[in-house]
Amino acid sequence: MQRRILLKNAAIAGGVLAISPLLGNCTTPEVYNFPLVDMHVHTTDKFTIDNIMEIAKSRNVRFGIVEHPAQWAIRNDSDLKNYIDKLRPYPVYIGLQPINLGWSKEFSPELLAQVDYILMDPQRVPMGNGETLSIWQFDTYVEDTEIFMERYMAYTMEILNNEPINIFGWPLFLPVCIARDYYTLWTQERMQQIITAAKKRNIAIEINDMAHTPHEKFILMAKEQGLKFTFGSDSRNQNAGRLSYCKVVAKKCNLTKEDFYVPRSHTFATG
């Protein structure tokens, strides 16, 4: 399942409308006070781990690789072991990107403990009527914005409060159809609710290069309250490791090495 494909050209609508001025007339520095690590990269048949290693060398970026524990990717312990064994010889972090609540029940705790990190995002929002909105898709339609935001926040809290997770991905992204209301919808109260839940379980916040989210105000709020961050391109191609938005907003928010989450062991939050 190729997530984000419909966003490739429209991309990023939830954040670009709000954040793109940050990228204008900005000269990217060659030296940074923070690590260049892209923790959200996928391999494909045509974009292999060897391609990623070439990019790592040419761009001086380190990578974290993720795959979906799902029926079309990693289905069981055997698949997970093969995935880990395939990547372990390479100098990359090995991650998982689940898309469904309760996903970890399909795998043994011992094998999950060998994964370096878990990244999960709230991109498939259950609306409570049997419908699930895939909000990364360009043609996603939101009938009632407030009802959607209530459901979106409830699903976000379910992930942050209950799922095994190290990194919260695609934070504050909005569907294209309501992206123009980004600053109105992401109220102080909603942003604080996310930050409080993440802080309680030491969950890092992804700065997403594709979505251009979260914005500066949220990052500064999270930084002030002691949260850590990661960079993520959510790429399956040569965009891996470019991190243009990430570098600009991190510099603007004065993030340093100490502000970033780095996997130090094969553990993750469980409750």
Protein backbone atom coordinates (compact mmCIF):
# COMPACT_ATOMS: atom_id res chain seq x y z
CA MET A 1 0.00 0.00 0.00
CA GLN A 2 1.65 3.20 -1.15
CA ARG A 3 0.66 5.79 1.41
CA ARG A 4 1.04 9.50 0.57
CA ILE A 5 1.11 8.98 -3.20
CA LEU A 6 -1.77 11.36 -3.79
CA LEU A 7 0.06 13.99 -1.77
CA LYS A 8 3.13 13.88 -3.96
CA ASN A 9 2.09 16.87 -6.04
CA ALA A 10 -0.46 18.55 -3.76
CA ALA A 11 1.52 17.71 -0.84
CA ILE A 12 1.75 18.77 2.23
CA ALA A 13 -1.37 20.76 2.08
CA GLY A 14 -1.97 20.64 5.80
CA GLY A 15 1.26 22.39 6.56
CA VAL A 16 2.49 24.09 3.44
CA LEU A 17 -0.27 26.67 3.46
CA ALA A 18 0.71 27.59 6.97
CA ILE A 19 4.47 27.20 6.92
CA SER A 20 5.88 27.71 3.44
CA PRO A 21 7.01 31.34 4.05
CA LEU A 22 9.76 29.90 6.24
CA LEU A 23 11.44 28.53 3.14
CA GLY A 24 11.49 31.72 1.16
CA ASN A 25 14.78 33.51 0.60
CA CYS A 26 16.60 31.26 3.05
CA THR A 27 20.16 30.14 2.58
CA THR A 28 20.66 26.66 4.01
CA PRO A 29 23.75 26.53 6.19
CA GLU A 30 26.34 23.81 5.76
CA VAL A 31 26.90 23.32 9.48
CA TYR A 32 24.12 22.62 11.95
CA ASN A 33 23.81 22.49 15.71
CA PHE A 34 21.61 19.39 15.43
CA PRO A 35 22.06 15.90 13.95
CA LEU A 36 20.95 15.20 10.39
CA VAL A 37 19.02 11.97 10.82
CA ASP A 38 16.02 11.13 8.64
CA MET A 39 14.03 8.66 10.76
CA HIS A 40 11.17 8.16 8.30
CA VAL A 41 12.34 6.45 5.11
CA HIS A 42 10.85 3.44 3.32
CA THR A 43 12.56 0.99 1.00
CA THR A 44 10.93 -0.34 -2.17
CA ASP A 45 11.93 -2.80 -4.89
CA LYS A 46 13.41 0.15 -6.82
CA PHE A 47 14.64 2.18 -3.86
CA THR A 48 16.78 -0.24 -1.91
CA ILE A 49 18.84 -0.05 1.23
CA ASP A 50 21.93 0.25 -0.97
CA ASN A 51 20.44 3.34 -2.64
CA ILE A 52 19.83 4.79 0.81
CA MET A 53 23.42 4.12 1.83
CA GLU A 54 24.64 6.05 -1.23
CA ILE A 55 22.49 9.01 -0.20
CA ALA A 56 23.73 8.76 3.38
CA LYS A 57 27.28 9.14 2.15
CA SER A 58 26.63 11.91 -0.38
CA ARG A 59 24.44 14.02 1.93
CA ASN A 60 26.13 13.14 5.21
CA VAL A 61 22.80 12.04 6.69
CA ARG A 62 21.98 9.05 8.85
CA PHE A 63 18.75 7.13 8.32
CA GLY A 64 16.05 5.26 10.15
CA ILE A 65 14.12 2.79 8.02
CA VAL A 66 10.47 1.99 8.71
CA GLU A 67 8.03 -0.57 7.40
CA HIS A 68 4.34 -1.14 8.08
CA PRO A 69 3.28 -4.05 10.24
CA ALA A 70 0.32 -4.90 8.02
CA GLN A 71 -1.02 -7.66 5.79
CA TRP A 72 0.76 -6.30 2.70
CA ALA A 73 4.13 -5.87 4.44
CA ILE A 74 5.15 -7.33 7.82
CA ARG A 75 2.42 -9.82 8.72
CA ASN A 76 3.90 -11.96 11.47
CA ASP A 77 6.99 -12.78 13.51
CA SER A 78 8.67 -14.51 10.59
CA ASP A 79 8.29 -11.40 8.41
CA LEU A 80 9.50 -9.17 11.23
CA LYS A 81 12.58 -11.30 11.87
CA ASN A 82 13.46 -11.26 8.16
CA TYR A 83 13.05 -7.49 8.09
CA ILE A 84 15.33 -6.98 11.09
CA ASP A 85 17.92 -9.46 9.83
CA LYS A 86 18.01 -7.80 6.41
CA LEU A 87 18.67 -4.32 7.81
CA ARG A 88 20.82 -5.07 10.84
CA PRO A 89 24.13 -5.26 8.88
CA TYR A 90 23.62 -1.65 7.74
CA PRO A 91 24.33 1.49 9.82
CA VAL A 92 20.65 2.45 10.08
CA TYR A 93 18.04 2.52 12.81
CA ILE A 94 15.37 -0.12 12.29
CA GLY A 95 11.81 1.05 12.86
CA LEU A 96 8.19 0.13 12.40
CA GLN A 97 5.33 2.37 11.31
CA PRO A 98 2.04 0.80 12.43
CA ILE A 99 -1.22 2.12 11.04
CA ASN A 100 -3.81 0.29 13.16
CA LEU A 101 -4.55 0.35 16.88
CA GLY A 102 -3.62 -2.86 18.67
CA TRP A 103 -1.15 -3.90 15.97
CA SER A 104 1.48 -5.13 18.44
CA LYS A 105 -0.66 -8.08 19.55
CA GLU A 106 0.29 -9.83 16.32
CA PHE A 107 3.97 -10.01 17.28
CA SER A 108 6.02 -11.50 20.10
CA PRO A 109 7.34 -8.99 22.66
CA GLU A 110 10.81 -10.54 22.38
CA LEU A 111 11.01 -9.83 18.66
CA LEU A 112 9.50 -6.34 18.95
CA ALA A 113 12.20 -5.56 21.51
CA GLN A 114 14.78 -5.93 18.75
CA VAL A 115 13.30 -2.98 16.82
CA ASP A 116 15.01 0.35 17.47
CA TYR A 117 11.90 2.52 17.46
CA ILE A 118 8.20 2.75 16.66
CA LEU A 119 6.79 5.67 14.68
CA MET A 120 3.03 6.04 14.44
CA ASP A 121 0.82 8.75 12.97
CA PRO A 122 -2.93 9.49 13.08
CA GLN A 123 -3.51 9.50 9.32
CA ARG A 124 -6.41 7.03 9.24
CA VAL A 125 -9.09 8.71 11.33
CA PRO A 126 -12.09 6.58 12.39
CA MET A 127 -15.20 8.74 12.24
CA GLY A 128 -17.38 6.57 14.49
CA ASN A 129 -19.87 5.71 11.75
CA GLY A 130 -17.93 2.92 10.11
CA GLU A 131 -16.02 5.34 7.90
CA THR A 132 -12.27 5.85 8.16
CA LEU A 133 -10.78 8.97 6.56
CA SER A 134 -7.37 8.55 4.94
CA ILE A 135 -6.46 12.16 5.46
CA TRP A 136 -3.23 12.13 3.41
CA GLN A 137 -5.27 11.61 0.24
CA PHE A 138 -5.79 14.77 -1.78
CA ASP A 139 -9.49 14.09 -2.36
CA THR A 140 -10.40 13.44 1.30
CA TYR A 141 -13.63 15.31 2.10
CA VAL A 142 -14.52 16.61 5.54
CA GLU A 143 -18.24 17.28 5.89
CA ASP A 144 -18.20 18.84 9.37
CA THR A 145 -14.89 20.33 10.46
CA GLU A 146 -15.56 20.38 14.18
CA ILE A 147 -16.78 16.79 14.26
CA PHE A 148 -13.71 15.79 12.29
CA MET A 149 -11.38 17.60 14.70
CA GLU A 150 -13.05 15.93 17.68
CA ARG A 151 -12.54 12.51 16.09
CA TYR A 152 -9.02 13.39 14.98
CA MET A 153 -8.03 14.48 18.47
CA ALA A 154 -9.63 11.42 20.07
CA TYR A 155 -7.71 9.11 17.72
CA THR A 156 -4.51 11.05 18.32
CA MET A 157 -4.95 10.66 22.08
CA GLU A 158 -5.59 6.94 21.68
CA ILE A 159 -2.25 6.59 19.90
CA LEU A 160 -0.32 8.79 22.31
CA ASN A 161 -1.84 7.31 25.47
CA ASN A 162 -2.02 3.62 24.65
CA GLU A 163 0.08 2.47 21.69
CA PRO A 164 3.72 1.30 21.83
CA ILE A 165 5.38 4.35 20.30
CA ASN A 166 8.58 6.37 20.37
CA ILE A 167 7.83 8.97 17.69
CA PHE A 168 4.57 10.72 16.85
CA GLY A 169 4.56 11.20 13.08
CA TRP A 170 2.84 13.74 10.83
CA PRO A 171 1.86 15.99 13.76
CA LEU A 172 -0.81 18.63 13.13
CA PHE A 173 -1.35 17.60 9.51
CA LEU A 174 -4.76 18.51 8.08
CA PRO A 175 -6.62 17.27 5.02
CA VAL A 176 -6.33 19.51 1.97
CA CYS A 177 -9.96 20.57 2.12
CA ILE A 178 -9.59 22.26 5.54
CA ALA A 179 -5.89 23.16 5.47
CA ARG A 180 -6.66 26.85 4.96
CA ASP A 181 -7.97 26.91 8.55
CA TYR A 182 -4.72 25.48 9.97
CA TYR A 183 -4.09 28.24 12.54
CA THR A 184 -7.74 28.42 13.59
CA LEU A 185 -8.18 24.69 14.05
CA TRP A 186 -4.90 24.09 15.86
CA THR A 187 -5.86 25.97 18.98
CA GLN A 188 -3.60 26.41 21.98
CA GLU A 189 -5.73 23.89 23.86
CA ARG A 190 -5.45 21.19 21.20
CA MET A 191 -1.72 21.66 20.77
CA GLN A 192 -1.19 21.53 24.52
CA GLN A 193 -3.23 18.34 24.78
CA ILE A 194 -0.90 16.65 22.29
CA ILE A 195 2.22 17.95 24.02
CA THR A 196 1.01 16.87 27.47
CA ALA A 197 0.23 13.34 26.28
CA ALA A 198 3.55 13.01 24.46
CA LYS A 199 5.52 14.31 27.44
CA LYS A 200 3.84 11.87 29.81
CA ARG A 201 5.27 8.92 27.88
CA ASN A 202 8.47 10.54 26.55
CA ILE A 203 7.28 10.39 22.95
CA ALA A 204 9.26 12.44 20.45
CA ILE A 205 7.62 14.70 17.88
CA GLU A 206 8.44 14.26 14.21
CA ILE A 207 9.20 17.36 12.18
CA ASN A 208 7.86 16.15 8.86
CA ASP A 209 9.59 17.36 5.73
CA MET A 210 6.83 16.29 3.36
CA ALA A 211 3.97 17.83 5.30
CA HIS A 212 5.91 20.88 6.57
CA THR A 213 4.45 20.25 10.01
CA PRO A 214 4.42 21.08 12.82
CA HIS A 215 4.80 24.82 12.67
CA GLU A 216 7.18 27.00 14.66
CA LYS A 217 4.77 27.84 17.49
CA PHE A 218 4.10 24.18 18.25
CA ILE A 219 7.78 23.29 18.13
CA LEU A 220 8.66 26.07 20.54
CA MET A 221 5.85 25.04 22.90
CA ALA A 222 7.04 21.42 22.83
CA LYS A 223 10.68 22.41 23.26
CA GLU A 224 9.89 24.61 26.26
CA GLN A 225 8.16 21.66 27.91
CA GLY A 226 11.07 19.30 27.32
CA LEU A 227 9.92 17.21 24.38
CA LYS A 228 12.38 15.70 21.91
CA PHE A 229 12.15 15.83 18.11
CA THR A 230 13.07 13.82 15.05
CA PHE A 231 13.28 14.64 11.35
CA GLY A 232 11.29 12.61 8.85
CA SER A 233 10.91 12.80 5.07
CA ASP A 234 8.43 9.90 4.69
CA SER A 235 10.19 9.23 1.40
CA ARG A 236 10.66 6.29 -0.91
CA ASN A 237 12.96 8.01 -3.38
CA GLN A 238 15.80 10.49 -3.77
CA ASN A 239 14.02 12.96 -1.48
CA ALA A 240 15.34 10.93 1.43
CA GLY A 241 17.63 12.96 3.63
CA ARG A 242 17.06 16.33 1.97
CA LEU A 243 15.12 17.62 4.99
CA SER A 244 14.82 21.16 3.63
CA TYR A 245 11.91 22.26 5.82
CA CYS A 246 13.24 20.38 8.81
CA LYS A 247 16.58 22.18 8.73
CA VAL A 248 15.04 25.60 8.27
CA VAL A 249 12.48 25.36 11.06
CA ALA A 250 14.91 23.63 13.44
CA LYS A 251 17.37 26.46 12.97
CA LYS A 252 14.61 29.04 13.38
CA CYS A 253 13.57 27.40 16.68
CA ASN A 254 17.20 27.14 17.86
CA LEU A 255 17.05 23.37 18.23
CA THR A 256 20.30 21.71 19.22
CA LYS A 257 21.57 18.16 19.53
CA GLU A 258 20.06 17.90 23.01
CA ASP A 259 16.57 18.51 21.59
CA PHE A 260 16.59 15.35 19.45
CA TYR A 261 15.52 11.82 20.22
CA VAL A 262 18.07 9.14 19.40
CA PRO A 263 17.31 5.45 19.95
CA ARG A 264 19.71 4.23 22.62
CA SER A 265 18.36 0.73 23.13
CA HIS A 266 15.79 -1.67 21.75
CA THR A 267 12.96 -0.47 23.97
CA PHE A 268 9.82 1.61 23.56
CA ALA A 269 7.01 2.99 25.68
CA THR A 270 4.37 0.43 26.61
CA GLY A 271 2.19 2.24 29.07
